[in-house]
Structure formats: C-alpha cells, structure tokens
PDB file of N, CA and C in Angstrom:
ATOM      1  N   UNK A   1      -3.709 -42.270 -10.011  1.00  0.00           N
ATOM      2  CA  UNK A   1      -3.030 -43.486  -9.114  1.00  0.00           C
ATOM      3  C   UNK A   1      -3.826 -44.457  -9.460  1.00  0.00           C
ATOM      4  N   UNK A   2      -3.336 -45.567  -9.807  1.00  0.00           N
ATOM      5  CA  UNK A   2      -3.789 -46.679  -9.910  1.00  0.00           C
ATOM      6  C   UNK A   2      -3.682 -47.705  -9.053  1.00  0.00           C
ATOM      7  N   UNK A   3      -4.604 -48.435  -8.547  1.00  0.00           N
ATOM      8  CA  UNK A   3      -4.769 -49.421  -7.421  1.00  0.00           C
ATOM      9  C   UNK A   3      -4.598 -50.741  -8.075  1.00  0.00           C
ATOM     10  N   UNK A   4      -3.667 -51.420  -7.942  1.00  0.00           N
ATOM     11  CA  UNK A   4      -3.447 -52.579  -8.497  1.00  0.00           C
ATOM     12  C   UNK A   4      -2.647 -53.418  -7.419  1.00  0.00           C
ATOM     13  N   UNK A   5      -2.936 -54.771  -7.599  1.00  0.00           N
ATOM     14  CA  UNK A   5      -2.465 -55.490  -6.613  1.00  0.00           C
ATOM     15  C   UNK A   5      -1.552 -56.507  -7.649  1.00  0.00           C
ATOM     16  N   UNK A   6      -0.340 -56.882  -7.320  1.00  0.00           N
ATOM     17  CA  UNK A   6       0.222 -57.663  -8.099  1.00  0.00           C
ATOM     18  C   UNK A   6       0.151 -59.158  -7.541  1.00  0.00           C
ATOM     19  N   UNK A   7      -0.617 -59.999  -7.838  1.00  0.00           N
ATOM     20  CA  UNK A   7      -0.748 -61.109  -7.087  1.00  0.00           C
ATOM     21  C   UNK A   7      -1.281 -62.311  -7.965  1.00  0.00           C
ATOM     22  N   UNK A   8      -0.864 -63.566  -8.170  1.00  0.00           N
ATOM     23  CA  UNK A   8      -1.316 -64.380  -8.998  1.00  0.00           C
ATOM     24  C   UNK A   8      -2.511 -64.973  -8.893  1.00  0.00           C
ATOM     25  N   UNK A   9      -3.085 -65.689  -9.738  1.00  0.00           N
ATOM     26  CA  UNK A   9      -4.779 -66.191  -9.645  1.00  0.00           C
ATOM     27  C   UNK A   9      -4.496 -67.445  -8.514  1.00  0.00           C
ATOM     28  N   UNK A  10      -3.222 -68.400  -8.342  1.00  0.00           N
ATOM     29  CA  UNK A  10      -3.206 -69.120  -7.422  1.00  0.00           C
ATOM     30  C   UNK A  10      -3.474 -68.373  -5.891  1.00  0.00           C
ATOM     31  N   UNK A  11      -2.654 -67.370  -5.842  1.00  0.00           N
ATOM     32  CA  UNK A  11      -2.557 -66.500  -4.665  1.00  0.00           C
ATOM     33  C   UNK A  11      -4.072 -65.970  -4.250  1.00  0.00           C
ATOM     34  N   UNK A  12      -4.333 -65.376  -5.244  1.00  0.00           N
ATOM     35  CA  UNK A  12      -5.966 -65.077  -5.037  1.00  0.00           C
ATOM     36  C   UNK A  12      -6.913 -66.311  -4.723  1.00  0.00           C
ATOM     37  N   UNK A  13      -6.784 -67.413  -5.312  1.00  0.00           N
ATOM     38  CA  UNK A  13      -7.621 -68.467  -4.705  1.00  0.00           C
ATOM     39  C   UNK A  13      -7.031 -68.826  -3.342  1.00  0.00           C
ATOM     40  N   UNK A  14      -6.168 -68.766  -2.816  1.00  0.00           N
ATOM     41  CA  UNK A  14      -5.686 -68.842  -1.490  1.00  0.00           C
ATOM     42  C   UNK A  14      -6.304 -67.885  -0.415  1.00  0.00           C
ATOM     43  N   UNK A  15      -6.326 -66.692  -0.990  1.00  0.00           N
ATOM     44  CA  UNK A  15      -7.010 -65.733  -0.374  1.00  0.00           C
ATOM     45  C   UNK A  15      -8.345 -65.935  -0.133  1.00  0.00           C
ATOM     46  N   UNK A  16      -9.077 -66.100  -1.068  1.00  0.00           N
ATOM     47  CA  UNK A  16     -10.284 -66.689  -1.071  1.00  0.00           C
ATOM     48  C   UNK A  16     -10.817 -67.697  -0.398  1.00  0.00           C
ATOM     49  N   UNK A  17     -10.085 -68.977  -0.277  1.00  0.00           N
ATOM     50  CA  UNK A  17     -10.374 -70.071   0.570  1.00  0.00           C
ATOM     51  C   UNK A  17      -9.888 -69.689   1.736  1.00  0.00           C
ATOM     52  N   UNK A  18      -9.058 -68.876   2.356  1.00  0.00           N
ATOM     53  CA  UNK A  18      -8.898 -68.368   3.635  1.00  0.00           C
ATOM     54  C   UNK A  18     -10.100 -67.668   4.026  1.00  0.00           C
ATOM     55  N   UNK A  19     -10.707 -66.743   3.403  1.00  0.00           N
ATOM     56  CA  UNK A  19     -11.663 -65.964   3.959  1.00  0.00           C
ATOM     57  C   UNK A  19     -13.146 -67.062   4.095  1.00  0.00           C
ATOM     58  N   UNK A  20     -13.215 -67.767   3.034  1.00  0.00           N
ATOM     59  CA  UNK A  20     -14.153 -68.643   3.106  1.00  0.00           C
ATOM     60  C   UNK A  20     -14.182 -69.661   4.327  1.00  0.00           C
ATOM     61  N   UNK A  21     -12.828 -69.825   4.606  1.00  0.00           N
ATOM     62  CA  UNK A  21     -12.500 -70.884   5.993  1.00  0.00           C
ATOM     63  C   UNK A  21     -12.943 -70.177   7.483  1.00  0.00           C
ATOM     64  N   UNK A  22     -12.312 -68.720   7.209  1.00  0.00           N
ATOM     65  CA  UNK A  22     -12.885 -67.856   8.346  1.00  0.00           C
ATOM     66  C   UNK A  22     -14.054 -67.575   8.827  1.00  0.00           C
ATOM     67  N   UNK A  23     -14.990 -67.354   7.510  1.00  0.00           N
ATOM     68  CA  UNK A  23     -16.281 -67.458   7.595  1.00  0.00           C
ATOM     69  C   UNK A  23     -17.253 -68.417   8.286  1.00  0.00           C
ATOM     70  N   UNK A  24     -16.608 -69.800   7.754  1.00  0.00           N
ATOM     71  CA  UNK A  24     -17.305 -70.946   8.166  1.00  0.00           C
ATOM     72  C   UNK A  24     -17.150 -71.016   9.923  1.00  0.00           C
ATOM     73  N   UNK A  25     -15.687 -70.677  10.062  1.00  0.00           N
ATOM     74  CA  UNK A  25     -15.210 -70.738  11.675  1.00  0.00           C
ATOM     75  C   UNK A  25     -16.002 -69.877  12.582  1.00  0.00           C
ATOM     76  N   UNK A  26     -16.237 -68.458  11.958  1.00  0.00           N
ATOM     77  CA  UNK A  26     -17.190 -67.661  12.620  1.00  0.00           C
ATOM     78  C   UNK A  26     -18.658 -67.979  12.814  1.00  0.00           C
ATOM     79  N   UNK A  27     -19.364 -68.399  11.564  1.00  0.00           N
ATOM     80  CA  UNK A  27     -20.457 -68.767  11.856  1.00  0.00           C
ATOM     81  C   UNK A  27     -20.632 -70.016  12.755  1.00  0.00           C
ATOM     82  N   UNK A  28     -19.953 -70.911  12.917  1.00  0.00           N
ATOM     83  CA  UNK A  28     -19.913 -72.120  13.832  1.00  0.00           C
ATOM     84  C   UNK A  28     -19.711 -71.407  15.390  1.00  0.00           C
ATOM     85  N   UNK A  29     -18.776 -70.261  15.546  1.00  0.00           N
ATOM     86  CA  UNK A  29     -18.659 -69.698  16.665  1.00  0.00           C
ATOM     87  C   UNK A  29     -19.792 -69.095  17.344  1.00  0.00           C
ATOM     88  N   UNK A  30     -20.378 -68.442  16.286  1.00  0.00           N
ATOM     89  CA  UNK A  30     -21.729 -67.615  16.594  1.00  0.00           C
ATOM     90  C   UNK A  30     -22.557 -68.201  17.261  1.00  0.00           C
ATOM     91  N   UNK A  31     -22.854 -69.411  17.040  1.00  0.00           N
ATOM     92  CA  UNK A  31     -23.942 -70.162  17.735  1.00  0.00           C
ATOM     93  C   UNK A  31     -23.318 -70.708  19.116  1.00  0.00           C
ATOM     94  N   UNK A  32     -22.049 -70.636  19.514  1.00  0.00           N
ATOM     95  CA  UNK A  32     -21.655 -71.258  20.932  1.00  0.00           C
ATOM     96  C   UNK A  32     -21.544 -69.823  21.880  1.00  0.00           C
ATOM     97  N   UNK A  33     -21.267 -68.758  21.261  1.00  0.00           N
ATOM     98  CA  UNK A  33     -21.221 -67.597  22.205  1.00  0.00           C
ATOM     99  C   UNK A  33     -22.569 -67.101  22.766  1.00  0.00           C
ATOM    100  N   UNK A  34     -22.093 -66.677  24.193  1.00  0.00           N
ATOM    101  CA  UNK A  34     -23.238 -66.178  24.980  1.00  0.00           C
ATOM    102  C   UNK A  34     -23.210 -64.686  25.007  1.00  0.00           C
ATOM    103  N   UNK A  35     -22.304 -64.027  25.109  1.00  0.00           N
ATOM    104  CA  UNK A  35     -22.301 -62.437  25.220  1.00  0.00           C
ATOM    105  C   UNK A  35     -22.872 -61.891  23.616  1.00  0.00           C
ATOM    106  N   UNK A  36     -23.731 -60.842  23.932  1.00  0.00           N
ATOM    107  CA  UNK A  36     -24.374 -60.158  22.765  1.00  0.00           C
ATOM    108  C   UNK A  36     -23.407 -59.439  22.023  1.00  0.00           C
ATOM    109  N   UNK A  37     -22.461 -58.802  22.869  1.00  0.00           N
ATOM    110  CA  UNK A  37     -21.377 -57.993  22.262  1.00  0.00           C
ATOM    111  C   UNK A  37     -20.270 -58.587  21.451  1.00  0.00           C
ATOM    112  N   UNK A  38     -19.983 -60.071  21.822  1.00  0.00           N
ATOM    113  CA  UNK A  38     -19.308 -61.105  21.196  1.00  0.00           C
ATOM    114  C   UNK A  38     -20.112 -61.239  19.704  1.00  0.00           C
ATOM    115  N   UNK A  39     -21.233 -61.318  19.822  1.00  0.00           N
ATOM    116  CA  UNK A  39     -22.088 -61.932  18.554  1.00  0.00           C
ATOM    117  C   UNK A  39     -22.067 -60.859  17.648  1.00  0.00           C
ATOM    118  N   UNK A  40     -22.465 -59.550  18.177  1.00  0.00           N
ATOM    119  CA  UNK A  40     -22.380 -58.404  17.314  1.00  0.00           C
ATOM    120  C   UNK A  40     -20.748 -58.240  16.527  1.00  0.00           C
ATOM    121  N   UNK A  41     -19.787 -58.562  17.107  1.00  0.00           N
ATOM    122  CA  UNK A  41     -18.515 -58.526  16.784  1.00  0.00           C
ATOM    123  C   UNK A  41     -18.444 -59.514  15.485  1.00  0.00           C
ATOM    124  N   UNK A  42     -18.852 -60.727  16.022  1.00  0.00           N
ATOM    125  CA  UNK A  42     -18.901 -61.713  14.895  1.00  0.00           C
ATOM    126  C   UNK A  42     -19.701 -61.580  13.673  1.00  0.00           C
ATOM    127  N   UNK A  43     -20.766 -60.895  13.669  1.00  0.00           N
ATOM    128  CA  UNK A  43     -21.749 -60.464  12.510  1.00  0.00           C
ATOM    129  C   UNK A  43     -21.028 -59.453  11.792  1.00  0.00           C
ATOM    130  N   UNK A  44     -20.252 -58.570  12.729  1.00  0.00           N
ATOM    131  CA  UNK A  44     -19.435 -57.463  11.698  1.00  0.00           C
ATOM    132  C   UNK A  44     -18.786 -57.775  11.105  1.00  0.00           C
ATOM    133  N   UNK A  45     -17.875 -58.869  11.541  1.00  0.00           N
ATOM    134  CA  UNK A  45     -16.876 -59.372  10.803  1.00  0.00           C
ATOM    135  C   UNK A  45     -17.352 -60.574   9.527  1.00  0.00           C
ATOM    136  N   UNK A  46     -18.307 -61.159   9.956  1.00  0.00           N
ATOM    137  CA  UNK A  46     -19.070 -61.789   8.769  1.00  0.00           C
ATOM    138  C   UNK A  46     -19.511 -61.160   7.767  1.00  0.00           C
ATOM    139  N   UNK A  47     -20.068 -59.965   7.831  1.00  0.00           N
ATOM    140  CA  UNK A  47     -20.566 -59.021   7.003  1.00  0.00           C
ATOM    141  C   UNK A  47     -19.301 -58.527   5.930  1.00  0.00           C
ATOM    142  N   UNK A  48     -18.130 -57.971   6.697  1.00  0.00           N
ATOM    143  CA  UNK A  48     -17.111 -57.502   5.911  1.00  0.00           C
ATOM    144  C   UNK A  48     -16.337 -58.819   5.254  1.00  0.00           C
ATOM    145  N   UNK A  49     -16.222 -59.810   5.563  1.00  0.00           N
ATOM    146  CA  UNK A  49     -15.461 -60.941   4.898  1.00  0.00           C
ATOM    147  C   UNK A  49     -16.619 -60.994   3.700  1.00  0.00           C
ATOM    148  N   UNK A  50     -17.873 -60.892   3.933  1.00  0.00           N
ATOM    149  CA  UNK A  50     -19.057 -61.345   2.852  1.00  0.00           C
ATOM    150  C   UNK A  50     -19.042 -60.126   1.717  1.00  0.00           C
ATOM    151  N   UNK A  51     -18.662 -59.049   2.227  1.00  0.00           N
ATOM    152  CA  UNK A  51     -18.344 -57.945   1.232  1.00  0.00           C
ATOM    153  C   UNK A  51     -17.148 -57.759   0.418  1.00  0.00           C
ATOM    154  N   UNK A  52     -15.986 -58.375   1.189  1.00  0.00           N
ATOM    155  CA  UNK A  52     -14.657 -58.482   0.442  1.00  0.00           C
ATOM    156  C   UNK A  52     -14.787 -59.672  -0.592  1.00  0.00           C
ATOM    157  N   UNK A  53     -15.324 -60.790  -0.282  1.00  0.00           N
ATOM    158  CA  UNK A  53     -15.624 -61.751  -1.261  1.00  0.00           C
ATOM    159  C   UNK A  53     -16.551 -61.177  -2.310  1.00  0.00           C
ATOM    160  N   UNK A  54     -17.513 -60.646  -2.127  1.00  0.00           N
ATOM    161  CA  UNK A  54     -18.282 -59.848  -3.109  1.00  0.00           C
ATOM    162  C   UNK A  54     -17.338 -59.095  -4.177  1.00  0.00           C
ATOM    163  N   UNK A  55     -16.867 -58.292  -3.692  1.00  0.00           N
ATOM    164  CA  UNK A  55     -15.737 -57.339  -4.280  1.00  0.00           C
ATOM    165  C   UNK A  55     -14.854 -58.292  -5.209  1.00  0.00           C
ATOM    166  N   UNK A  56     -14.060 -59.317  -4.627  1.00  0.00           N
ATOM    167  CA  UNK A  56     -13.237 -60.449  -5.409  1.00  0.00           C
ATOM    168  C   UNK A  56     -14.014 -60.814  -6.331  1.00  0.00           C
ATOM    169  N   UNK A  57     -15.157 -61.400  -6.262  1.00  0.00           N
ATOM    170  CA  UNK A  57     -15.890 -62.175  -7.437  1.00  0.00           C
ATOM    171  C   UNK A  57     -16.204 -60.956  -8.498  1.00  0.00           C
ATOM    172  N   UNK A  58     -16.622 -59.965  -7.995  1.00  0.00           N
ATOM    173  CA  UNK A  58     -16.946 -58.964  -9.318  1.00  0.00           C
ATOM    174  C   UNK A  58     -16.149 -58.371 -10.143  1.00  0.00           C
ATOM    175  N   UNK A  59     -14.930 -58.591  -9.498  1.00  0.00           N
ATOM    176  CA  UNK A  59     -13.693 -58.088 -10.299  1.00  0.00           C
ATOM    177  C   UNK A  59     -12.991 -59.503 -10.995  1.00  0.00           C
ATOM    178  N   UNK A  60     -13.574 -60.563 -11.214  1.00  0.00           N
ATOM    179  CA  UNK A  60     -13.150 -61.673 -11.815  1.00  0.00           C
ATOM    180  C   UNK A  60     -13.532 -61.463 -13.344  1.00  0.00           C
ATOM    181  N   UNK A  61     -12.484 -61.975 -14.221  1.00  0.00           N
ATOM    182  CA  UNK A  61     -13.259 -62.105 -15.440  1.00  0.00           C
ATOM    183  C   UNK A  61     -13.373 -63.677 -16.200  1.00  0.00           C
ATOM    184  N   UNK A  62     -14.416 -63.767 -16.461  1.00  0.00           N
ATOM    185  CA  UNK A  62     -14.823 -65.128 -16.700  1.00  0.00           C
ATOM    186  C   UNK A  62     -14.997 -65.201 -18.243  1.00  0.00           C
ATOM    187  N   UNK A  63     -14.224 -66.252 -18.471  1.00  0.00           N
ATOM    188  CA  UNK A  63     -14.138 -66.551 -19.967  1.00  0.00           C
ATOM    189  C   UNK A  63     -14.611 -67.971 -20.509  1.00  0.00           C
ATOM    190  N   UNK A  64     -15.524 -67.915 -21.456  1.00  0.00           N
ATOM    191  CA  UNK A  64     -15.905 -68.874 -22.317  1.00  0.00           C
ATOM    192  C   UNK A  64     -15.106 -69.400 -23.628  1.00  0.00           C
ATOM    193  N   UNK A  65     -15.058 -70.601 -23.838  1.00  0.00           N
ATOM    194  CA  UNK A  65     -14.081 -71.123 -24.703  1.00  0.00           C
ATOM    195  C   UNK A  65     -14.892 -70.701 -26.114  1.00  0.00           C
ATOM    196  N   UNK A  66     -14.112 -70.235 -27.063  1.00  0.00           N
ATOM    197  CA  UNK A  66     -14.421 -69.864 -28.591  1.00  0.00           C
ATOM    198  C   UNK A  66     -14.578 -70.931 -29.330  1.00  0.00           C
ATOM    199  N   UNK A  67     -15.472 -70.932 -30.334  1.00  0.00           N
ATOM    200  CA  UNK A  67     -15.375 -71.801 -31.479  1.00  0.00           C
ATOM    201  C   UNK A  67     -16.119 -73.186 -30.748  1.00  0.00           C
ATOM    202  N   UNK A  68     -16.575 -73.215 -29.540  1.00  0.00           N
ATOM    203  CA  UNK A  68     -17.216 -74.332 -29.073  1.00  0.00           C
ATOM    204  C   UNK A  68     -18.298 -73.956 -28.381  1.00  0.00           C
ATOM    205  N   UNK A  69     -19.405 -75.031 -28.094  1.00  0.00           N
ATOM    206  CA  UNK A  69     -20.833 -74.747 -27.334  1.00  0.00           C
ATOM    207  C   UNK A  69     -20.336 -74.910 -26.002  1.00  0.00           C
ATOM    208  N   UNK A  70     -20.789 -73.683 -25.274  1.00  0.00           N
ATOM    209  CA  UNK A  70     -20.610 -73.536 -23.684  1.00  0.00           C
ATOM    210  C   UNK A  70     -21.496 -74.240 -22.970  1.00  0.00           C
ATOM    211  N   UNK A  71     -21.264 -75.361 -22.397  1.00  0.00           N
ATOM    212  CA  UNK A  71     -22.042 -75.929 -21.193  1.00  0.00           C
ATOM    213  C   UNK A  71     -21.598 -75.809 -19.992  1.00  0.00           C
ATOM    214  N   UNK A  72     -22.565 -75.124 -19.009  1.00  0.00           N
ATOM    215  CA  UNK A  72     -22.188 -74.633 -17.855  1.00  0.00           C
ATOM    216  C   UNK A  72     -22.179 -75.939 -16.814  1.00  0.00           C
ATOM    217  N   UNK A  73     -21.522 -75.986 -15.486  1.00  0.00           N
ATOM    218  CA  UNK A  73     -21.675 -76.784 -14.730  1.00  0.00           C
ATOM    219  C   UNK A  73     -20.638 -77.947 -14.831  1.00  0.00           C
TER     220      UNK A  73
END
C-alpha cells in the first residue's frame, strides 16, 4: 500500500505557512501562560509541529538549474 497525498505545491506551501503561523502563536502564548500544565501542552504541540515541518522539508525535492552556474541565496 502506497501512502500518497494528492496536493499541489501551492497547497503544500499553504499548509507549511499555517504550521509556521501556529508555531509563532504558540511561542508567544507560552510566554504569557501561568499554569505549568498549559505550558507543557504548548511545548508538546510545538514539538509535534516542528517534527511535522521537518518531515515535510525532508521529503521536498530541490532542483538546481542545469547548464548554469548555481549561486545560492
């Protein structure tokens, strides 16, 4: 059985942007929460989102232009 998602690059970009947005919001919220249990829940979600973003990044295929000198940045 193959695990394959049928999404476009634009849709994947939207997912990544939403995850980054959520990560920023959680990080800001963590600084204002008082309860230790709430901080632990936030840290768990931050970890899960970071792992998911890492998986997405590791599955990307990066291409360099052929026949040209590649200059990064």
